[in-house]
C-alpha atoms as a PDB file:
ATOM      1  CA  UNK A   1     250.048 128.669  76.678  1.00  0.00           C
ATOM      2  CA  UNK A   2     247.914 126.080  78.449  1.00  0.00           C
ATOM      3  CA  UNK A   3     245.573 123.778  76.559  1.00  0.00           C
ATOM      4  CA  UNK A   4     242.860 121.370  77.630  1.00  0.00           C
ATOM      5  CA  UNK A   5     241.790 118.176  75.928  1.00  0.00           C
ATOM      6  CA  UNK A   6     238.340 117.930  74.425  1.00  0.00           C
ATOM      7  CA  UNK A   7     236.457 114.738  73.692  1.00  0.00           C
ATOM      8  CA  UNK A   8     234.934 116.384  70.638  1.00  0.00           C
ATOM      9  CA  UNK A   9     235.990 117.415  67.160  1.00  0.00           C
ATOM     10  CA  UNK A  10     237.680 120.457  68.762  1.00  0.00           C
ATOM     11  CA  UNK A  11     240.611 118.316  69.918  1.00  0.00           C
ATOM     12  CA  UNK A  12     242.951 120.458  72.024  1.00  0.00           C
ATOM     13  CA  UNK A  13     241.242 123.664  73.170  1.00  0.00           C
ATOM     14  CA  UNK A  14     243.430 126.785  73.372  1.00  0.00           C
ATOM     15  CA  UNK A  15     240.835 129.560  73.797  1.00  0.00           C
ATOM     16  CA  UNK A  16     240.921 130.770  77.423  1.00  0.00           C
ATOM     17  CA  UNK A  17     237.144 131.248  77.770  1.00  0.00           C
ATOM     18  CA  UNK A  18     236.527 127.750  76.404  1.00  0.00           C
ATOM     19  CA  UNK A  19     239.171 126.294  78.721  1.00  0.00           C
ATOM     20  CA  UNK A  20     237.391 127.805  81.728  1.00  0.00           C
ATOM     21  CA  UNK A  21     234.093 126.418  80.446  1.00  0.00           C
ATOM     22  CA  UNK A  22     235.614 122.946  79.973  1.00  0.00           C
ATOM     23  CA  UNK A  23     237.066 123.028  83.504  1.00  0.00           C
ATOM     24  CA  UNK A  24     233.583 123.710  84.908  1.00  0.00           C
ATOM     25  CA  UNK A  25     232.002 121.062  82.686  1.00  0.00           C
ATOM     26  CA  UNK A  26     234.571 118.392  83.532  1.00  0.00           C
ATOM     27  CA  UNK A  27     234.255 119.193  87.247  1.00  0.00           C
ATOM     28  CA  UNK A  28     230.475 118.805  87.118  1.00  0.00           C
ATOM     29  CA  UNK A  29     230.440 115.666  84.936  1.00  0.00           C
ATOM     30  CA  UNK A  30     233.469 113.684  86.140  1.00  0.00           C
ATOM     31  CA  UNK A  31     232.556 110.508  88.001  1.00  0.00           C
ATOM     32  CA  UNK A  32     234.997 109.016  90.484  1.00  0.00           C
ATOM     33  CA  UNK A  33     234.166 105.511  89.262  1.00  0.00           C
ATOM     34  CA  UNK A  34     235.180 106.247  85.664  1.00  0.00           C
ATOM     35  CA  UNK A  35     238.839 105.423  86.308  1.00  0.00           C
ATOM     36  CA  UNK A  36     240.874 103.009  88.351  1.00  0.00           C
ATOM     37  CA  UNK A  37     244.226 104.507  87.363  1.00  0.00           C
ATOM     38  CA  UNK A  38     243.471 107.902  88.929  1.00  0.00           C
ATOM     39  CA  UNK A  39     241.328 106.613  91.786  1.00  0.00           C
ATOM     40  CA  UNK A  40     241.246 109.077  94.704  1.00  0.00           C
ATOM     41  CA  UNK A  41     242.979 111.730  92.555  1.00  0.00           C
ATOM     42  CA  UNK A  42     239.977 113.090  90.680  1.00  0.00           C
ATOM     43  CA  UNK A  43     238.413 116.359  91.744  1.00  0.00           C
ATOM     44  CA  UNK A  44     234.720 116.284  90.909  1.00  0.00           C
ATOM     45  CA  UNK A  45     231.390 117.696  91.973  1.00  0.00           C
ATOM     46  CA  UNK A  46     229.795 114.241  92.416  1.00  0.00           C
ATOM     47  CA  UNK A  47     232.528 113.286  94.910  1.00  0.00           C
ATOM     48  CA  UNK A  48     232.209 116.579  96.794  1.00  0.00           C
ATOM     49  CA  UNK A  49     228.419 116.195  96.796  1.00  0.00           C
ATOM     50  CA  UNK A  50     228.755 112.712  98.308  1.00  0.00           C
ATOM     51  CA  UNK A  51     231.066 113.982 101.070  1.00  0.00           C
ATOM     52  CA  UNK A  52     228.892 116.997 101.988  1.00  0.00           C
ATOM     53  CA  UNK A  53     225.388 115.788 101.100  1.00  0.00           C
ATOM     54  CA  UNK A  54     223.874 117.062 104.365  1.00  0.00           C
ATOM     55  CA  UNK A  55     226.046 120.173 104.717  1.00  0.00           C
ATOM     56  CA  UNK A  56     225.288 122.687 101.921  1.00  0.00           C
ATOM     57  CA  UNK A  57     227.565 125.375 103.401  1.00  0.00           C
ATOM     58  CA  UNK A  58     230.430 122.895 103.722  1.00  0.00           C
ATOM     59  CA  UNK A  59     229.741 121.755 100.172  1.00  0.00           C
ATOM     60  CA  UNK A  60     229.938 125.337  98.875  1.00  0.00           C
ATOM     61  CA  UNK A  61     233.277 125.823 100.638  1.00  0.00           C
ATOM     62  CA  UNK A  62     234.621 122.531  99.254  1.00  0.00           C
ATOM     63  CA  UNK A  63     233.437 123.399  95.719  1.00  0.00           C
ATOM     64  CA  UNK A  64     235.229 126.748  95.974  1.00  0.00           C
ATOM     65  CA  UNK A  65     238.440 124.971  96.989  1.00  0.00           C
ATOM     66  CA  UNK A  66     238.036 122.351  94.232  1.00  0.00           C
ATOM     67  CA  UNK A  67     237.521 124.945  91.506  1.00  0.00           C
ATOM     68  CA  UNK A  68     240.398 127.106  92.734  1.00  0.00           C
ATOM     69  CA  UNK A  69     242.718 124.079  92.443  1.00  0.00           C
ATOM     70  CA  UNK A  70     241.459 123.131  89.001  1.00  0.00           C
ATOM     71  CA  UNK A  71     241.421 126.638  87.532  1.00  0.00           C
ATOM     72  CA  UNK A  72     244.801 127.393  89.114  1.00  0.00           C
ATOM     73  CA  UNK A  73     246.338 124.630  86.996  1.00  0.00           C
ATOM     74  CA  UNK A  74     245.496 126.562  83.824  1.00  0.00           C
ATOM     75  CA  UNK A  75     245.538 130.240  84.806  1.00  0.00           C
ATOM     76  CA  UNK A  76     247.989 132.337  86.852  1.00  0.00           C
ATOM     77  CA  UNK A  77     245.165 133.923  88.887  1.00  0.00           C
ATOM     78  CA  UNK A  78     241.868 132.276  89.787  1.00  0.00           C
ATOM     79  CA  UNK A  79     239.096 133.847  91.842  1.00  0.00           C
ATOM     80  CA  UNK A  80     236.171 131.608  92.794  1.00  0.00           C
ATOM     81  CA  UNK A  81     233.123 132.452  94.866  1.00  0.00           C
ATOM     82  CA  UNK A  82     230.266 130.191  95.923  1.00  0.00           C
ATOM     83  CA  UNK A  83     226.986 130.998  97.620  1.00  0.00           C
ATOM     84  CA  UNK A  84     224.240 128.714  98.930  1.00  0.00           C
ATOM     85  CA  UNK A  85     220.575 129.576  98.481  1.00  0.00           C
ATOM     86  CA  UNK A  86     217.880 127.466 100.139  1.00  0.00           C
ATOM     87  CA  UNK A  87     215.054 126.502  97.759  1.00  0.00           C
ATOM     88  CA  UNK A  88     213.147 124.086 100.027  1.00  0.00           C
ATOM     89  CA  UNK A  89     214.045 122.123 103.157  1.00  0.00           C
ATOM     90  CA  UNK A  90     215.807 119.498 101.054  1.00  0.00           C
ATOM     91  CA  UNK A  91     216.874 121.495  97.971  1.00  0.00           C
ATOM     92  CA  UNK A  92     219.601 124.081  97.670  1.00  0.00           C
ATOM     93  CA  UNK A  93     221.129 126.038  94.828  1.00  0.00           C
ATOM     94  CA  UNK A  94     224.840 126.694  94.856  1.00  0.00           C
ATOM     95  CA  UNK A  95     225.826 129.722  92.826  1.00  0.00           C
ATOM     96  CA  UNK A  96     229.272 129.325  91.314  1.00  0.00           C
ATOM     97  CA  UNK A  97     231.258 132.271  90.025  1.00  0.00           C
ATOM     98  CA  UNK A  98     234.788 132.054  88.684  1.00  0.00           C
ATOM     99  CA  UNK A  99     237.106 134.628  87.228  1.00  0.00           C
ATOM    100  CA  UNK A 100     240.524 133.898  85.809  1.00  0.00           C
ATOM    101  CA  UNK A 101     243.328 136.102  84.585  1.00  0.00           C
ATOM    102  CA  UNK A 102     245.235 134.809  81.558  1.00  0.00           C
ATOM    103  CA  UNK A 103     248.973 135.163  80.878  1.00  0.00           C
ATOM    104  CA  UNK A 104     248.263 138.287  78.822  1.00  0.00           C
ATOM    105  CA  UNK A 105     246.182 139.823  81.681  1.00  0.00           C
ATOM    106  CA  UNK A 106     242.799 139.203  80.096  1.00  0.00           C
ATOM    107  CA  UNK A 107     240.004 138.600  82.598  1.00  0.00           C
ATOM    108  CA  UNK A 108     237.456 135.908  81.808  1.00  0.00           C
ATOM    109  CA  UNK A 109     234.415 135.082  83.915  1.00  0.00           C
ATOM    110  CA  UNK A 110     231.918 132.260  84.148  1.00  0.00           C
ATOM    111  CA  UNK A 111     228.910 131.602  86.388  1.00  0.00           C
ATOM    112  CA  UNK A 112     226.806 128.507  86.954  1.00  0.00           C
ATOM    113  CA  UNK A 113     224.014 127.424  89.265  1.00  0.00           C
ATOM    114  CA  UNK A 114     224.004 123.872  90.596  1.00  0.00           C
ATOM    115  CA  UNK A 115     220.874 122.551  92.293  1.00  0.00           C
ATOM    116  CA  UNK A 116     221.549 120.160  95.166  1.00  0.00           C
ATOM    117  CA  UNK A 117     219.061 117.851  96.834  1.00  0.00           C
ATOM    118  CA  UNK A 118     219.802 116.283 100.197  1.00  0.00           C
END
């Protein structure tokens, strides 16, 4: 069974749905500058945003790849889909959908919307 660390009173999280939620949360909130030890080894939305700031479609593809890598570390099967929706000329929404299959073949799903401004 895989577990994920929590920086809360929960300690080590073992519930599959919560693990998927933590993966999303950590991906969205992790800042590349928060560590020197793991420099250039963090997978995070802020870093992907920086690389693809003027390419929303490229950003959606990179986010899909990032989340597949991260979720794949905790679940045997990970299915991620991303879709870009234009809000204005400089604002986009990226719809994130992830499904994971646990070791006991339970399917869990999670969706998020991230608003991006160029």
